[in-house]
């Protein structure tokens, strides 16, 4: 089998080399340029020739035509620019006063917080997370609070309503604990 492959490879290589060895056909001799006869002198153009229109120049007019870069669905159902886009996140099912801020993690380039819904489930929020029935966005996360900005439109103006969720202090304070002795301070 190896000798068959070697024979076939050698035959293919020989055919390829034979095809490359052919000398190119000589180029046909260049034709001698003919002498150009001088153009006859023309008289002034007549009125019929002067009124003849020049070649047609195409120009595009987009009036009344659809923009090819916009979705045809938007043309069927136009979106009202004043209306806030529908929020499909789970936190948009609750009012902001129903949500409770439980924990905040700051000191990083992207701080985060945890809010608890009325059912007791925790949700992680970051900046630009949508929450609340009005579709507000988290705009600021501080050490002890989260600011959610709701946008309303009325009388042709846009109204921004910042709502602050504060971290509730614990009702029961843990006593100070001395890690070296394993006892609470004050004992």
Protein backbone atom coordinates (compact mmCIF):
# COMPACT_ATOMS: atom_id res chain seq x y z
CA UNK A 1 0.00 0.00 0.00
CA UNK A 2 2.86 2.38 0.82
CA UNK A 3 4.47 1.78 -2.56
CA UNK A 4 1.18 2.53 -4.32
CA UNK A 5 0.89 5.87 -2.48
CA UNK A 6 4.51 6.70 -3.23
CA UNK A 7 4.04 5.84 -6.92
CA UNK A 8 0.88 7.92 -7.21
CA UNK A 9 2.52 10.87 -5.44
CA UNK A 10 5.51 10.70 -7.76
CA UNK A 11 3.25 10.52 -10.83
CA UNK A 12 1.21 13.54 -9.68
CA UNK A 13 4.37 15.51 -8.99
CA UNK A 14 5.76 14.66 -12.43
CA UNK A 15 2.52 15.79 -14.12
CA UNK A 16 2.56 19.04 -12.18
CA UNK A 17 6.16 19.74 -13.14
CA UNK A 18 5.47 18.89 -16.78
CA UNK A 19 2.59 21.34 -16.83
CA UNK A 20 4.81 24.06 -15.36
CA UNK A 21 7.65 23.46 -17.81
CA UNK A 22 5.69 24.61 -20.83
CA UNK A 23 7.01 27.89 -22.13
CA UNK A 24 4.39 30.58 -22.54
CA UNK A 25 3.28 31.30 -26.09
CA UNK A 26 5.01 34.32 -27.58
CA UNK A 27 2.94 37.47 -27.52
CA UNK A 28 1.62 38.57 -30.91
CA UNK A 29 3.54 41.49 -32.40
CA UNK A 30 2.17 44.86 -31.44
CA UNK A 31 0.04 46.52 -34.07
CA UNK A 32 1.34 49.74 -35.56
CA UNK A 33 -0.76 52.72 -34.61
CA UNK A 34 -2.76 54.19 -37.44
CA UNK A 35 -2.53 57.82 -38.30
CA UNK A 36 -5.48 59.73 -36.95
CA UNK A 37 -7.32 61.83 -39.48
CA UNK A 38 -7.87 65.40 -38.33
CA UNK A 39 -11.45 66.05 -37.16
CA UNK A 40 -13.49 68.23 -39.42
CA UNK A 41 -14.18 71.71 -38.09
CA UNK A 42 -17.80 72.00 -37.00
CA UNK A 43 -19.91 75.04 -37.45
CA UNK A 44 -21.87 76.59 -34.56
CA UNK A 45 -24.54 74.20 -33.24
CA UNK A 46 -28.05 74.70 -34.50
CA UNK A 47 -31.02 75.45 -32.23
CA UNK A 48 -32.21 71.82 -32.27
CA UNK A 49 -28.88 70.58 -31.02
CA UNK A 50 -28.63 73.35 -28.39
CA UNK A 51 -32.00 72.41 -26.83
CA UNK A 52 -31.11 68.71 -26.62
CA UNK A 53 -30.99 67.65 -22.95
CA UNK A 54 -27.72 66.39 -21.52
CA UNK A 55 -27.41 62.78 -20.35
CA UNK A 56 -29.80 61.91 -17.47
CA UNK A 57 -28.29 62.37 -13.99
CA UNK A 58 -29.98 60.20 -11.33
CA UNK A 59 -30.88 61.72 -7.98
CA UNK A 60 -32.48 59.83 -5.07
CA UNK A 61 -35.42 61.32 -3.20
CA UNK A 62 -36.19 59.47 0.07
CA UNK A 63 -39.48 61.27 0.73
CA UNK A 64 -42.29 58.77 1.26
CA UNK A 65 -39.97 55.78 1.36
CA UNK A 66 -39.24 53.54 4.35
CA UNK A 67 -35.92 53.92 6.19
CA UNK A 68 -34.07 50.63 5.51
CA UNK A 69 -32.28 50.80 8.88
CA UNK A 70 -35.43 50.93 11.01
CA UNK A 71 -37.56 47.96 11.95
CA UNK A 72 -40.84 47.63 10.03
CA UNK A 73 -42.48 46.53 13.30
CA UNK A 74 -41.91 50.01 14.76
CA UNK A 75 -43.79 51.51 11.82
CA UNK A 76 -46.77 49.26 12.50
CA UNK A 77 -46.80 49.91 16.28
CA UNK A 78 -45.10 53.27 16.87
CA UNK A 79 -43.55 53.62 20.32
CA UNK A 80 -44.56 56.72 22.26
CA UNK A 81 -41.34 58.46 23.31
CA UNK A 82 -42.98 59.82 26.49
CA UNK A 83 -44.06 56.40 27.70
CA UNK A 84 -41.61 54.49 29.89
CA UNK A 85 -40.64 51.15 28.39
CA UNK A 86 -42.29 48.17 30.01
CA UNK A 87 -40.21 46.59 32.74
CA UNK A 88 -40.01 42.79 32.64
CA UNK A 89 -37.79 42.32 35.68
CA UNK A 90 -39.20 40.64 38.81
CA UNK A 91 -38.64 43.74 40.96
CA UNK A 92 -40.99 45.75 38.72
CA UNK A 93 -43.94 43.81 40.09
CA UNK A 94 -43.68 45.62 43.46
CA UNK A 95 -43.94 49.24 44.59
CA UNK A 96 -40.76 50.76 45.95
CA UNK A 97 -42.26 51.10 49.44
CA UNK A 98 -42.88 47.31 49.50
CA UNK A 99 -39.17 46.57 48.94
CA UNK A 100 -36.78 46.52 51.89
CA UNK A 101 -33.04 47.20 51.59
CA UNK A 102 -31.26 44.37 53.41
CA UNK A 103 -27.55 44.62 52.55
CA UNK A 104 -25.11 46.85 50.67
CA UNK A 105 -21.64 46.01 49.31
CA UNK A 106 -19.55 49.08 48.44
CA UNK A 107 -15.87 49.87 48.07
CA UNK A 108 -15.73 48.39 44.58
CA UNK A 109 -16.04 49.80 41.09
CA UNK A 110 -19.46 48.17 40.80
CA UNK A 111 -21.28 48.33 44.15
CA UNK A 112 -24.29 46.11 44.69
CA UNK A 113 -27.13 45.80 47.14
CA UNK A 114 -29.74 43.27 48.14
CA UNK A 115 -33.41 44.12 48.43
CA UNK A 116 -36.09 41.88 49.84
CA UNK A 117 -39.57 41.62 48.33
CA UNK A 118 -42.74 41.14 50.42
CA UNK A 119 -42.50 37.35 50.00
CA UNK A 120 -39.05 37.39 51.65
CA UNK A 121 -37.01 36.63 48.53
CA UNK A 122 -33.76 38.52 48.10
CA UNK A 123 -32.79 40.22 44.84
CA UNK A 124 -29.34 41.57 43.93
CA UNK A 125 -29.39 45.06 42.37
CA UNK A 126 -26.64 47.08 40.71
CA UNK A 127 -26.61 50.47 38.99
CA UNK A 128 -29.16 50.72 36.14
CA UNK A 129 -31.25 47.83 37.51
CA UNK A 130 -34.95 48.47 36.94
CA UNK A 131 -37.24 48.21 39.97
CA UNK A 132 -40.64 49.47 41.10
CA UNK A 133 -43.95 49.62 39.24
CA UNK A 134 -42.96 52.92 37.60
CA UNK A 135 -39.85 51.30 36.07
CA UNK A 136 -37.33 53.34 38.05
CA UNK A 137 -33.59 52.75 37.69
CA UNK A 138 -31.04 52.39 40.45
CA UNK A 139 -28.85 55.46 40.02
CA UNK A 140 -26.73 55.43 43.17
CA UNK A 141 -25.62 52.86 45.72
CA UNK A 142 -24.14 54.29 48.90
CA UNK A 143 -22.94 52.67 52.13
CA UNK A 144 -26.34 52.86 53.81
CA UNK A 145 -28.83 53.63 51.00
CA UNK A 146 -29.88 52.99 47.42
CA UNK A 147 -31.33 55.74 45.22
CA UNK A 148 -33.91 54.76 42.62
CA UNK A 149 -34.89 57.46 40.09
CA UNK A 150 -38.37 57.25 38.57
CA UNK A 151 -39.10 59.25 35.42
CA UNK A 152 -42.56 60.70 34.74
CA UNK A 153 -43.74 62.79 31.81
CA UNK A 154 -46.44 65.36 32.17
CA UNK A 155 -47.37 68.66 30.51
CA UNK A 156 -44.63 68.16 27.95
CA UNK A 157 -41.86 68.03 30.54
CA UNK A 158 -39.92 65.17 32.07
CA UNK A 159 -40.01 64.88 35.85
CA UNK A 160 -37.37 62.84 37.70
CA UNK A 161 -38.36 61.57 41.14
CA UNK A 162 -35.46 60.16 43.19
CA UNK A 163 -36.59 57.68 45.86
CA UNK A 164 -34.14 56.62 48.55
CA UNK A 165 -34.25 53.18 50.16
CA UNK A 166 -32.45 53.29 53.52
CA UNK A 167 -30.74 50.40 55.25
CA UNK A 168 -32.62 49.64 58.48
CA UNK A 169 -30.42 49.34 61.57
CA UNK A 170 -30.66 46.06 63.48
CA UNK A 171 -33.02 46.19 66.47
CA UNK A 172 -30.69 44.09 68.62
CA UNK A 173 -27.03 45.09 68.75
CA UNK A 174 -24.43 42.38 69.19
CA UNK A 175 -22.17 43.01 72.15
CA UNK A 176 -18.56 43.75 71.36
CA UNK A 177 -16.52 40.55 71.24
CA UNK A 178 -12.84 40.25 72.12
CA UNK A 179 -11.32 37.72 69.71
CA UNK A 180 -8.13 37.29 71.76
CA UNK A 181 -9.78 36.25 74.97
CA UNK A 182 -12.96 34.80 73.50
CA UNK A 183 -15.14 36.85 75.85
CA UNK A 184 -17.42 39.84 75.42
CA UNK A 185 -16.17 43.23 76.53
CA UNK A 186 -17.56 44.31 79.85
CA UNK A 187 -17.61 40.87 81.44
